[in-house]
mmCIF file of all heavy atoms, coordinates in Angstrom:
data_MODEL
# 
_entry.id   MODEL 
# 
loop_
_atom_site.group_PDB 
_atom_site.id 
_atom_site.type_symbol 
_atom_site.label_atom_id 
_atom_site.label_alt_id 
_atom_site.label_comp_id 
_atom_site.label_asym_id 
_atom_site.label_entity_id 
_atom_site.label_seq_id 
_atom_site.pdbx_PDB_ins_code 
_atom_site.Cartn_x 
_atom_site.Cartn_y 
_atom_site.Cartn_z 
_atom_site.occupancy 
_atom_site.B_iso_or_equiv 
_atom_site.pdbx_formal_charge 
_atom_site.auth_seq_id 
_atom_site.auth_comp_id 
_atom_site.auth_asym_id 
_atom_site.auth_atom_id 
_atom_site.pdbx_PDB_model_num 
ATOM 1   N N   . THR A 1 1  ? 87.470  -31.101 67.067 1.00 0.00 ? 1  THR A N   1 
ATOM 2   C CA  . THR A 1 1  ? 88.552  -30.331 67.680 1.00 0.00 ? 1  THR A CA  1 
ATOM 3   C C   . THR A 1 1  ? 89.584  -29.971 66.613 1.00 0.00 ? 1  THR A C   1 
ATOM 4   O O   . THR A 1 1  ? 89.752  -30.697 65.638 1.00 0.00 ? 1  THR A O   1 
ATOM 5   C CB  . THR A 1 1  ? 89.198  -31.143 68.834 1.00 0.00 ? 1  THR A CB  1 
ATOM 6   O OG1 . THR A 1 1  ? 90.101  -30.307 69.552 1.00 0.00 ? 1  THR A OG1 1 
ATOM 7   C CG2 . THR A 1 1  ? 89.920  -32.368 68.326 1.00 0.00 ? 1  THR A CG2 1 
ATOM 8   N N   . PRO A 1 2  ? 90.267  -28.844 66.766 1.00 0.00 ? 2  PRO A N   1 
ATOM 9   C CA  . PRO A 1 2  ? 91.297  -28.466 65.796 1.00 0.00 ? 2  PRO A CA  1 
ATOM 10  C C   . PRO A 1 2  ? 92.462  -29.457 65.771 1.00 0.00 ? 2  PRO A C   1 
ATOM 11  O O   . PRO A 1 2  ? 92.806  -30.059 66.788 1.00 0.00 ? 2  PRO A O   1 
ATOM 12  C CB  . PRO A 1 2  ? 91.778  -27.095 66.290 1.00 0.00 ? 2  PRO A CB  1 
ATOM 13  C CG  . PRO A 1 2  ? 90.684  -26.586 67.159 1.00 0.00 ? 2  PRO A CG  1 
ATOM 14  C CD  . PRO A 1 2  ? 90.057  -27.797 67.776 1.00 0.00 ? 2  PRO A CD  1 
ATOM 15  N N   . PHE A 1 3  ? 93.084  -29.594 64.625 1.00 0.00 ? 3  PHE A N   1 
ATOM 16  C CA  . PHE A 1 3  ? 94.166  -30.566 64.447 1.00 0.00 ? 3  PHE A CA  1 
ATOM 17  C C   . PHE A 1 3  ? 95.385  -30.275 65.300 1.00 0.00 ? 3  PHE A C   1 
ATOM 18  O O   . PHE A 1 3  ? 96.150  -31.169 65.633 1.00 0.00 ? 3  PHE A O   1 
ATOM 19  C CB  . PHE A 1 3  ? 94.555  -30.691 62.968 1.00 0.00 ? 3  PHE A CB  1 
ATOM 20  C CG  . PHE A 1 3  ? 95.406  -29.570 62.439 1.00 0.00 ? 3  PHE A CG  1 
ATOM 21  C CD1 . PHE A 1 3  ? 96.753  -29.761 62.200 1.00 0.00 ? 3  PHE A CD1 1 
ATOM 22  C CD2 . PHE A 1 3  ? 94.859  -28.327 62.162 1.00 0.00 ? 3  PHE A CD2 1 
ATOM 23  C CE1 . PHE A 1 3  ? 97.545  -28.740 61.697 1.00 0.00 ? 3  PHE A CE1 1 
ATOM 24  C CE2 . PHE A 1 3  ? 95.632  -27.297 61.653 1.00 0.00 ? 3  PHE A CE2 1 
ATOM 25  C CZ  . PHE A 1 3  ? 96.978  -27.500 61.426 1.00 0.00 ? 3  PHE A CZ  1 
ATOM 26  N N   . LYS A 1 4  ? 95.588  -29.028 65.692 1.00 0.00 ? 4  LYS A N   1 
ATOM 27  C CA  . LYS A 1 4  ? 96.763  -28.688 66.498 1.00 0.00 ? 4  LYS A CA  1 
ATOM 28  C C   . LYS A 1 4  ? 96.506  -28.769 68.006 1.00 0.00 ? 4  LYS A C   1 
ATOM 29  O O   . LYS A 1 4  ? 97.384  -28.456 68.791 1.00 0.00 ? 4  LYS A O   1 
ATOM 30  C CB  . LYS A 1 4  ? 97.264  -27.293 66.147 1.00 0.00 ? 4  LYS A CB  1 
ATOM 31  C CG  . LYS A 1 4  ? 97.987  -27.260 64.820 1.00 0.00 ? 4  LYS A CG  1 
ATOM 32  C CD  . LYS A 1 4  ? 98.714  -25.960 64.627 1.00 0.00 ? 4  LYS A CD  1 
ATOM 33  C CE  . LYS A 1 4  ? 99.529  -26.015 63.354 1.00 0.00 ? 4  LYS A CE  1 
ATOM 34  N NZ  . LYS A 1 4  ? 100.302 -24.791 63.149 1.00 0.00 ? 4  LYS A NZ  1 
ATOM 35  N N   . SER A 1 5  ? 95.338  -29.213 68.399 1.00 0.00 ? 5  SER A N   1 
ATOM 36  C CA  . SER A 1 5  ? 95.023  -29.335 69.825 1.00 0.00 ? 5  SER A CA  1 
ATOM 37  C C   . SER A 1 5  ? 95.486  -30.698 70.329 1.00 0.00 ? 5  SER A C   1 
ATOM 38  O O   . SER A 1 5  ? 94.694  -31.552 70.720 1.00 0.00 ? 5  SER A O   1 
ATOM 39  C CB  . SER A 1 5  ? 93.524  -29.146 70.055 1.00 0.00 ? 5  SER A CB  1 
ATOM 40  O OG  . SER A 1 5  ? 93.134  -27.842 69.704 1.00 0.00 ? 5  SER A OG  1 
ATOM 41  N N   . TYR A 1 6  ? 96.793  -30.896 70.330 1.00 0.00 ? 6  TYR A N   1 
ATOM 42  C CA  . TYR A 1 6  ? 97.385  -32.195 70.626 1.00 0.00 ? 6  TYR A CA  1 
ATOM 43  C C   . TYR A 1 6  ? 97.001  -32.746 71.992 1.00 0.00 ? 6  TYR A C   1 
ATOM 44  O O   . TYR A 1 6  ? 96.747  -33.940 72.136 1.00 0.00 ? 6  TYR A O   1 
ATOM 45  C CB  . TYR A 1 6  ? 98.913  -32.126 70.503 1.00 0.00 ? 6  TYR A CB  1 
ATOM 46  C CG  . TYR A 1 6  ? 99.380  -31.557 69.193 1.00 0.00 ? 6  TYR A CG  1 
ATOM 47  C CD1 . TYR A 1 6  ? 100.067 -30.352 69.142 1.00 0.00 ? 6  TYR A CD1 1 
ATOM 48  C CD2 . TYR A 1 6  ? 99.099  -32.211 67.991 1.00 0.00 ? 6  TYR A CD2 1 
ATOM 49  C CE1 . TYR A 1 6  ? 100.489 -29.829 67.921 1.00 0.00 ? 6  TYR A CE1 1 
ATOM 50  C CE2 . TYR A 1 6  ? 99.517  -31.695 66.780 1.00 0.00 ? 6  TYR A CE2 1 
ATOM 51  C CZ  . TYR A 1 6  ? 100.211 -30.493 66.753 1.00 0.00 ? 6  TYR A CZ  1 
ATOM 52  O OH  . TYR A 1 6  ? 100.607 -29.981 65.553 1.00 0.00 ? 6  TYR A OH  1 
ATOM 53  N N   . ARG A 1 7  ? 96.982  -31.889 72.997 1.00 0.00 ? 7  ARG A N   1 
ATOM 54  C CA  . ARG A 1 7  ? 96.607  -32.359 74.338 1.00 0.00 ? 7  ARG A CA  1 
ATOM 55  C C   . ARG A 1 7  ? 95.167  -32.837 74.360 1.00 0.00 ? 7  ARG A C   1 
ATOM 56  O O   . ARG A 1 7  ? 94.846  -33.829 75.020 1.00 0.00 ? 7  ARG A O   1 
ATOM 57  C CB  . ARG A 1 7  ? 96.826  -31.264 75.380 1.00 0.00 ? 7  ARG A CB  1 
ATOM 58  C CG  . ARG A 1 7  ? 98.296  -30.987 75.611 1.00 0.00 ? 7  ARG A CG  1 
ATOM 59  C CD  . ARG A 1 7  ? 98.571  -30.084 76.768 1.00 0.00 ? 7  ARG A CD  1 
ATOM 60  N NE  . ARG A 1 7  ? 97.540  -29.075 77.008 1.00 0.00 ? 7  ARG A NE  1 
ATOM 61  C CZ  . ARG A 1 7  ? 97.675  -28.079 77.831 1.00 0.00 ? 7  ARG A CZ  1 
ATOM 62  N NH1 . ARG A 1 7  ? 98.778  -27.931 78.508 1.00 0.00 ? 7  ARG A NH1 1 
ATOM 63  N NH2 . ARG A 1 7  ? 96.716  -27.204 78.001 1.00 0.00 ? 7  ARG A NH2 1 
ATOM 64  N N   . ASN A 1 8  ? 94.288  -32.143 73.617 1.00 0.00 ? 8  ASN A N   1 
ATOM 65  C CA  . ASN A 1 8  ? 92.891  -32.584 73.523 1.00 0.00 ? 8  ASN A CA  1 
ATOM 66  C C   . ASN A 1 8  ? 92.825  -33.969 72.903 1.00 0.00 ? 8  ASN A C   1 
ATOM 67  O O   . ASN A 1 8  ? 92.105  -34.838 73.386 1.00 0.00 ? 8  ASN A O   1 
ATOM 68  C CB  . ASN A 1 8  ? 92.059  -31.620 72.691 1.00 0.00 ? 8  ASN A CB  1 
ATOM 69  C CG  . ASN A 1 8  ? 91.882  -30.271 73.341 1.00 0.00 ? 8  ASN A CG  1 
ATOM 70  O OD1 . ASN A 1 8  ? 92.362  -30.026 74.432 1.00 0.00 ? 8  ASN A OD1 1 
ATOM 71  N ND2 . ASN A 1 8  ? 91.198  -29.386 72.654 1.00 0.00 ? 8  ASN A ND2 1 
ATOM 72  N N   . HIS A 1 9  ? 93.570  -34.171 71.814 1.00 0.00 ? 9  HIS A N   1 
ATOM 73  C CA  . HIS A 1 9  ? 93.552  -35.472 71.130 1.00 0.00 ? 9  HIS A CA  1 
ATOM 74  C C   . HIS A 1 9  ? 93.939  -36.570 72.112 1.00 0.00 ? 9  HIS A C   1 
ATOM 75  O O   . HIS A 1 9  ? 93.309  -37.632 72.164 1.00 0.00 ? 9  HIS A O   1 
ATOM 76  C CB  . HIS A 1 9  ? 94.530  -35.500 69.953 1.00 0.00 ? 9  HIS A CB  1 
ATOM 77  C CG  . HIS A 1 9  ? 94.310  -34.400 68.958 1.00 0.00 ? 9  HIS A CG  1 
ATOM 78  N ND1 . HIS A 1 9  ? 95.254  -34.076 68.021 1.00 0.00 ? 9  HIS A ND1 1 
ATOM 79  C CD2 . HIS A 1 9  ? 93.276  -33.551 68.754 1.00 0.00 ? 9  HIS A CD2 1 
ATOM 80  C CE1 . HIS A 1 9  ? 94.816  -33.067 67.282 1.00 0.00 ? 9  HIS A CE1 1 
ATOM 81  N NE2 . HIS A 1 9  ? 93.615  -32.736 67.711 1.00 0.00 ? 9  HIS A NE2 1 
ATOM 82  N N   . HIS A 1 10 ? 94.975  -36.320 72.887 1.00 0.00 ? 10 HIS A N   1 
ATOM 83  C CA  . HIS A 1 10 ? 95.456  -37.306 73.855 1.00 0.00 ? 10 HIS A CA  1 
ATOM 84  C C   . HIS A 1 10 ? 94.350  -37.664 74.866 1.00 0.00 ? 10 HIS A C   1 
ATOM 85  O O   . HIS A 1 10 ? 94.112  -38.839 75.153 1.00 0.00 ? 10 HIS A O   1 
ATOM 86  C CB  . HIS A 1 10 ? 96.700  -36.783 74.574 1.00 0.00 ? 10 HIS A CB  1 
ATOM 87  C CG  . HIS A 1 10 ? 97.178  -37.667 75.667 1.00 0.00 ? 10 HIS A CG  1 
ATOM 88  N ND1 . HIS A 1 10 ? 97.831  -38.866 75.426 1.00 0.00 ? 10 HIS A ND1 1 
ATOM 89  C CD2 . HIS A 1 10 ? 97.069  -37.549 77.008 1.00 0.00 ? 10 HIS A CD2 1 
ATOM 90  C CE1 . HIS A 1 10 ? 98.101  -39.440 76.584 1.00 0.00 ? 10 HIS A CE1 1 
ATOM 91  N NE2 . HIS A 1 10 ? 97.656  -38.663 77.551 1.00 0.00 ? 10 HIS A NE2 1 
ATOM 92  N N   . VAL A 1 11 ? 93.699  -36.643 75.391 1.00 0.00 ? 11 VAL A N   1 
ATOM 93  C CA  . VAL A 1 11 ? 92.640  -36.867 76.380 1.00 0.00 ? 11 VAL A CA  1 
ATOM 94  C C   . VAL A 1 11 ? 91.489  -37.655 75.758 1.00 0.00 ? 11 VAL A C   1 
ATOM 95  O O   . VAL A 1 11 ? 91.012  -38.633 76.337 1.00 0.00 ? 11 VAL A O   1 
ATOM 96  C CB  . VAL A 1 11 ? 92.132  -35.536 76.971 1.00 0.00 ? 11 VAL A CB  1 
ATOM 97  C CG1 . VAL A 1 11 ? 90.866  -35.744 77.792 1.00 0.00 ? 11 VAL A CG1 1 
ATOM 98  C CG2 . VAL A 1 11 ? 93.211  -34.880 77.809 1.00 0.00 ? 11 VAL A CG2 1 
ATOM 99  N N   . TYR A 1 12 ? 91.035  -37.240 74.583 1.00 0.00 ? 12 TYR A N   1 
ATOM 100 C CA  . TYR A 1 12 ? 89.901  -37.918 73.955 1.00 0.00 ? 12 TYR A CA  1 
ATOM 101 C C   . TYR A 1 12 ? 90.231  -39.388 73.675 1.00 0.00 ? 12 TYR A C   1 
ATOM 102 O O   . TYR A 1 12 ? 89.419  -40.270 73.941 1.00 0.00 ? 12 TYR A O   1 
ATOM 103 C CB  . TYR A 1 12 ? 89.476  -37.214 72.672 1.00 0.00 ? 12 TYR A CB  1 
ATOM 104 C CG  . TYR A 1 12 ? 89.077  -35.765 72.877 1.00 0.00 ? 12 TYR A CG  1 
ATOM 105 C CD1 . TYR A 1 12 ? 89.388  -34.806 71.934 1.00 0.00 ? 12 TYR A CD1 1 
ATOM 106 C CD2 . TYR A 1 12 ? 88.400  -35.360 74.016 1.00 0.00 ? 12 TYR A CD2 1 
ATOM 107 C CE1 . TYR A 1 12 ? 89.024  -33.476 72.120 1.00 0.00 ? 12 TYR A CE1 1 
ATOM 108 C CE2 . TYR A 1 12 ? 88.041  -34.030 74.215 1.00 0.00 ? 12 TYR A CE2 1 
ATOM 109 C CZ  . TYR A 1 12 ? 88.355  -33.093 73.262 1.00 0.00 ? 12 TYR A CZ  1 
ATOM 110 O OH  . TYR A 1 12 ? 88.001  -31.788 73.445 1.00 0.00 ? 12 TYR A OH  1 
ATOM 111 N N   . GLU A 1 13 ? 91.411  -39.627 73.149 1.00 0.00 ? 13 GLU A N   1 
ATOM 112 C CA  . GLU A 1 13 ? 91.792  -41.006 72.831 1.00 0.00 ? 13 GLU A CA  1 
ATOM 113 C C   . GLU A 1 13 ? 91.933  -41.834 74.115 1.00 0.00 ? 13 GLU A C   1 
ATOM 114 O O   . GLU A 1 13 ? 91.527  -42.993 74.152 1.00 0.00 ? 13 GLU A O   1 
ATOM 115 C CB  . GLU A 1 13 ? 93.070  -41.013 71.992 1.00 0.00 ? 13 GLU A CB  1 
ATOM 116 C CG  . GLU A 1 13 ? 92.805  -40.471 70.600 1.00 0.00 ? 13 GLU A CG  1 
ATOM 117 C CD  . GLU A 1 13 ? 94.048  -40.136 69.789 1.00 0.00 ? 13 GLU A CD  1 
ATOM 118 O OE1 . GLU A 1 13 ? 95.167  -40.465 70.232 1.00 0.00 ? 13 GLU A OE1 1 
ATOM 119 O OE2 . GLU A 1 13 ? 93.883  -39.528 68.708 1.00 0.00 ? 13 GLU A OE2 1 
ATOM 120 N N   . LYS A 1 14 ? 92.469  -41.243 75.154 1.00 0.00 ? 14 LYS A N   1 
ATOM 121 C CA  . LYS A 1 14 ? 92.582  -41.918 76.441 1.00 0.00 ? 14 LYS A CA  1 
ATOM 122 C C   . LYS A 1 14 ? 91.207  -42.283 76.994 1.00 0.00 ? 14 LYS A C   1 
ATOM 123 O O   . LYS A 1 14 ? 91.051  -43.305 77.662 1.00 0.00 ? 14 LYS A O   1 
ATOM 124 C CB  . LYS A 1 14 ? 93.320  -40.991 77.421 1.00 0.00 ? 14 LYS A CB  1 
ATOM 125 C CG  . LYS A 1 14 ? 93.631  -41.588 78.751 1.00 0.00 ? 14 LYS A CG  1 
ATOM 126 C CD  . LYS A 1 14 ? 94.455  -40.594 79.562 1.00 0.00 ? 14 LYS A CD  1 
ATOM 127 C CE  . LYS A 1 14 ? 94.800  -41.154 80.917 1.00 0.00 ? 14 LYS A CE  1 
ATOM 128 N NZ  . LYS A 1 14 ? 95.635  -40.224 81.682 1.00 0.00 ? 14 LYS A NZ  1 
ATOM 129 N N   . MET A 1 15 ? 90.194  -41.461 76.675 1.00 0.00 ? 15 MET A N   1 
ATOM 130 C CA  . MET A 1 15 ? 88.829  -41.683 77.158 1.00 0.00 ? 15 MET A CA  1 
ATOM 131 C C   . MET A 1 15 ? 88.022  -42.600 76.233 1.00 0.00 ? 15 MET A C   1 
ATOM 132 O O   . MET A 1 15 ? 86.836  -42.796 76.445 1.00 0.00 ? 15 MET A O   1 
ATOM 133 C CB  . MET A 1 15 ? 88.108  -40.344 77.298 1.00 0.00 ? 15 MET A CB  1 
ATOM 134 C CG  . MET A 1 15 ? 88.726  -39.398 78.304 1.00 0.00 ? 15 MET A CG  1 
ATOM 135 S SD  . MET A 1 15 ? 88.523  -39.919 80.019 1.00 0.00 ? 15 MET A SD  1 
ATOM 136 C CE  . MET A 1 15 ? 86.771  -39.920 80.175 1.00 0.00 ? 15 MET A CE  1 
ATOM 137 N N   . GLY A 1 16 ? 88.665  -43.127 75.177 1.00 0.00 ? 16 GLY A N   1 
ATOM 138 C CA  . GLY A 1 16 ? 87.976  -44.082 74.304 1.00 0.00 ? 16 GLY A CA  1 
ATOM 139 C C   . GLY A 1 16 ? 87.403  -43.504 73.030 1.00 0.00 ? 16 GLY A C   1 
ATOM 140 O O   . GLY A 1 16 ? 86.727  -44.209 72.276 1.00 0.00 ? 16 GLY A O   1 
ATOM 141 N N   . TYR A 1 17 ? 87.651  -42.227 72.767 1.00 0.00 ? 17 TYR A N   1 
ATOM 142 C CA  . TYR A 1 17 ? 87.180  -41.606 71.531 1.00 0.00 ? 17 TYR A CA  1 
ATOM 143 C C   . TYR A 1 17 ? 88.151  -41.976 70.405 1.00 0.00 ? 17 TYR A C   1 
ATOM 144 O O   . TYR A 1 17 ? 89.353  -42.088 70.626 1.00 0.00 ? 17 TYR A O   1 
ATOM 145 C CB  . TYR A 1 17 ? 87.096  -40.083 71.675 1.00 0.00 ? 17 TYR A CB  1 
ATOM 146 C CG  . TYR A 1 17 ? 85.963  -39.649 72.584 1.00 0.00 ? 17 TYR A CG  1 
ATOM 147 C CD1 . TYR A 1 17 ? 86.039  -39.798 73.969 1.00 0.00 ? 17 TYR A CD1 1 
ATOM 148 C CD2 . TYR A 1 17 ? 84.801  -39.100 72.049 1.00 0.00 ? 17 TYR A CD2 1 
ATOM 149 C CE1 . TYR A 1 17 ? 85.006  -39.423 74.801 1.00 0.00 ? 17 TYR A CE1 1 
ATOM 150 C CE2 . TYR A 1 17 ? 83.758  -38.717 72.881 1.00 0.00 ? 17 TYR A CE2 1 
ATOM 151 C CZ  . TYR A 1 17 ? 83.867  -38.884 74.247 1.00 0.00 ? 17 TYR A CZ  1 
ATOM 152 O OH  . TYR A 1 17 ? 82.828  -38.510 75.063 1.00 0.00 ? 17 TYR A OH  1 
ATOM 153 N N   . VAL A 1 18 ? 87.598  -42.147 69.210 1.00 0.00 ? 18 VAL A N   1 
ATOM 154 C CA  . VAL A 1 18 ? 88.390  -42.544 68.046 1.00 0.00 ? 18 VAL A CA  1 
ATOM 155 C C   . VAL A 1 18 ? 88.239  -41.467 66.976 1.00 0.00 ? 18 VAL A C   1 
ATOM 156 O O   . VAL A 1 18 ? 87.123  -41.011 66.702 1.00 0.00 ? 18 VAL A O   1 
ATOM 157 C CB  . VAL A 1 18 ? 87.891  -43.904 67.501 1.00 0.00 ? 18 VAL A CB  1 
ATOM 158 C CG1 . VAL A 1 18 ? 88.629  -44.288 66.236 1.00 0.00 ? 18 VAL A CG1 1 
ATOM 159 C CG2 . VAL A 1 18 ? 88.038  -44.979 68.566 1.00 0.00 ? 18 VAL A CG2 1 
ATOM 160 N N   . LYS A 1 19 ? 89.363  -41.067 66.381 1.00 0.00 ? 19 LYS A N   1 
ATOM 161 C CA  . LYS A 1 19 ? 89.307  -40.093 65.282 1.00 0.00 ? 19 LYS A CA  1 
ATOM 162 C C   . LYS A 1 19 ? 88.692  -40.787 64.071 1.00 0.00 ? 19 LYS A C   1 
ATOM 163 O O   . LYS A 1 19 ? 89.190  -41.813 63.612 1.00 0.00 ? 19 LYS A O   1 
ATOM 164 C CB  . LYS A 1 19 ? 90.693  -39.559 64.939 1.00 0.00 ? 19 LYS A CB  1 
ATOM 165 C CG  . LYS A 1 19 ? 90.637  -38.445 63.888 1.00 0.00 ? 19 LYS A CG  1 
ATOM 166 C CD  . LYS A 1 19 ? 91.974  -37.790 63.692 1.00 0.00 ? 19 LYS A CD  1 
ATOM 167 C CE  . LYS A 1 19 ? 92.860  -38.671 62.854 1.00 0.00 ? 19 LYS A CE  1 
ATOM 168 N NZ  . LYS A 1 19 ? 94.085  -38.035 62.424 1.00 0.00 ? 19 LYS A NZ  1 
ATOM 169 N N   . VAL A 1 20 ? 87.586  -40.225 63.569 1.00 0.00 ? 20 VAL A N   1 
ATOM 170 C CA  . VAL A 1 20 ? 86.867  -40.855 62.470 1.00 0.00 ? 20 VAL A CA  1 
ATOM 171 C C   . VAL A 1 20 ? 86.899  -40.039 61.184 1.00 0.00 ? 20 VAL A C   1 
ATOM 172 O O   . VAL A 1 20 ? 86.528  -40.544 60.118 1.00 0.00 ? 20 VAL A O   1 
ATOM 173 C CB  . VAL A 1 20 ? 85.394  -41.154 62.844 1.00 0.00 ? 20 VAL A CB  1 
ATOM 174 C CG1 . VAL A 1 20 ? 85.334  -42.185 63.955 1.00 0.00 ? 20 VAL A CG1 1 
ATOM 175 C CG2 . VAL A 1 20 ? 84.645  -39.886 63.225 1.00 0.00 ? 20 VAL A CG2 1 
ATOM 176 N N   . GLU A 1 21 ? 87.347  -38.777 61.283 1.00 0.00 ? 21 GLU A N   1 
ATOM 177 C CA  . GLU A 1 21 ? 87.328  -37.930 60.088 1.00 0.00 ? 21 GLU A CA  1 
ATOM 178 C C   . GLU A 1 21 ? 88.244  -36.724 60.276 1.00 0.00 ? 21 GLU A C   1 
ATOM 179 O O   . GLU A 1 21 ? 88.453  -36.260 61.395 1.00 0.00 ? 21 GLU A O   1 
ATOM 180 C CB  . GLU A 1 21 ? 85.892  -37.442 59.840 1.00 0.00 ? 21 GLU A CB  1 
ATOM 181 C CG  . GLU A 1 21 ? 85.690  -36.649 58.580 1.00 0.00 ? 21 GLU A CG  1 
ATOM 182 C CD  . GLU A 1 21 ? 84.243  -36.197 58.397 1.00 0.00 ? 21 GLU A CD  1 
ATOM 183 O OE1 . GLU A 1 21 ? 83.325  -36.781 59.030 1.00 0.00 ? 21 GLU A OE1 1 
ATOM 184 O OE2 . GLU A 1 21 ? 84.034  -35.257 57.631 1.00 0.00 ? 21 GLU A OE2 1 
ATOM 185 N N   . GLU A 1 22 ? 88.791  -36.252 59.168 1.00 0.00 ? 22 GLU A N   1 
ATOM 186 C CA  . GLU A 1 22 ? 89.525  -34.982 59.112 1.00 0.00 ? 22 GLU A CA  1 
ATOM 187 C C   . GLU A 1 22 ? 88.916  -34.175 57.989 1.00 0.00 ? 22 GLU A C   1 
ATOM 188 O O   . GLU A 1 22 ? 88.576  -34.730 56.952 1.00 0.00 ? 22 GLU A O   1 
ATOM 189 C CB  . GLU A 1 22 ? 91.000  -35.203 58.765 1.00 0.00 ? 22 GLU A CB  1 
ATOM 190 C CG  . GLU A 1 22 ? 91.802  -35.915 59.792 1.00 0.00 ? 22 GLU A CG  1 
ATOM 191 C CD  . GLU A 1 22 ? 93.269  -36.056 59.371 1.00 0.00 ? 22 GLU A CD  1 
ATOM 192 O OE1 . GLU A 1 22 ? 93.758  -35.244 58.557 1.00 0.00 ? 22 GLU A OE1 1 
ATOM 193 O OE2 . GLU A 1 22 ? 93.910  -36.994 59.870 1.00 0.00 ? 22 GLU A OE2 1 
ATOM 194 N N   . TYR A 1 23 ? 88.769  -32.879 58.205 1.00 0.00 ? 23 TYR A N   1 
ATOM 195 C CA  . TYR A 1 23 ? 88.292  -32.031 57.114 1.00 0.00 ? 23 TYR A CA  1 
ATOM 196 C C   . TYR A 1 23 ? 88.864  -30.628 57.260 1.00 0.00 ? 23 TYR A C   1 
ATOM 197 O O   . TYR A 1 23 ? 89.216  -30.202 58.352 1.00 0.00 ? 23 TYR A O   1 
ATOM 198 C CB  . TYR A 1 23 ? 86.757  -32.014 57.034 1.00 0.00 ? 23 TYR A CB  1 
ATOM 199 C CG  . TYR A 1 23 ? 86.067  -31.417 58.231 1.00 0.00 ? 23 TYR A CG  1 
ATOM 200 C CD1 . TYR A 1 23 ? 85.747  -30.058 58.273 1.00 0.00 ? 23 TYR A CD1 1 
ATOM 201 C CD2 . TYR A 1 23 ? 85.726  -32.203 59.322 1.00 0.00 ? 23 TYR A CD2 1 
ATOM 202 C CE1 . TYR A 1 23 ? 85.112  -29.521 59.365 1.00 0.00 ? 23 TYR A CE1 1 
ATOM 203 C CE2 . TYR A 1 23 ? 85.095  -31.669 60.418 1.00 0.00 ? 23 TYR A CE2 1 
ATOM 204 C CZ  . TYR A 1 23 ? 84.781  -30.321 60.434 1.00 0.00 ? 23 TYR A CZ  1 
ATOM 205 O OH  . TYR A 1 23 ? 84.162  -29.773 61.527 1.00 0.00 ? 23 TYR A OH  1 
ATOM 206 N N   . ARG A 1 24 ? 88.961  -29.969 56.147 1.00 0.00 ? 24 ARG A N   1 
ATOM 207 C CA  . ARG A 1 24 ? 89.534  -28.621 56.105 1.00 0.00 ? 24 ARG A CA  1 
ATOM 208 C C   . ARG A 1 24 ? 88.424  -27.600 56.340 1.00 0.00 ? 24 ARG A C   1 
ATOM 209 O O   . ARG A 1 24 ? 87.479  -27.515 55.581 1.00 0.00 ? 24 ARG A O   1 
ATOM 210 C CB  . ARG A 1 24 ? 90.203  -28.381 54.753 1.00 0.00 ? 24 ARG A CB  1 
ATOM 211 C CG  . ARG A 1 24 ? 90.938  -27.056 54.675 1.00 0.00 ? 24 ARG A CG  1 
ATOM 212 C CD  . ARG A 1 24 ? 91.802  -26.952 53.425 1.00 0.00 ? 24 ARG A CD  1 
ATOM 213 N NE  . ARG A 1 24 ? 92.916  -27.888 53.442 1.00 0.00 ? 24 ARG A NE  1 
ATOM 214 C CZ  . ARG A 1 24 ? 94.046  -27.715 54.128 1.00 0.00 ? 24 ARG A CZ  1 
ATOM 215 N NH1 . ARG A 1 24 ? 94.206  -26.637 54.852 1.00 0.00 ? 24 ARG A NH1 1 
ATOM 216 N NH2 . ARG A 1 24 ? 95.009  -28.603 54.076 1.00 0.00 ? 24 ARG A NH2 1 
ATOM 217 N N   . GLN A 1 25 ? 88.573  -26.841 57.423 1.00 0.00 ? 25 GLN A N   1 
ATOM 218 C CA  . GLN A 1 25 ? 87.616  -25.788 57.770 1.00 0.00 ? 25 GLN A CA  1 
ATOM 219 C C   . GLN A 1 25 ? 87.920  -24.505 56.990 1.00 0.00 ? 25 GLN A C   1 
ATOM 220 O O   . GLN A 1 25 ? 87.021  -23.776 56.630 1.00 0.00 ? 25 GLN A O   1 
ATOM 221 C CB  . GLN A 1 25 ? 87.688  -25.517 59.276 1.00 0.00 ? 25 GLN A CB  1 
ATOM 222 C CG  . GLN A 1 25 ? 86.712  -24.515 59.790 1.00 0.00 ? 25 GLN A CG  1 
ATOM 223 C CD  . GLN A 1 25 ? 85.317  -25.079 59.917 1.00 0.00 ? 25 GLN A CD  1 
ATOM 224 O OE1 . GLN A 1 25 ? 85.125  -26.269 60.046 1.00 0.00 ? 25 GLN A OE1 1 
ATOM 225 N NE2 . GLN A 1 25 ? 84.333  -24.222 59.873 1.00 0.00 ? 25 GLN A NE2 1 
# 
């Protein structure tokens, strides 16, 4: 997901997903 999709990040983390990597597209 894009880094600026803050609401997405919140949902994924709430559902147990963990951010494992960042990369420049």
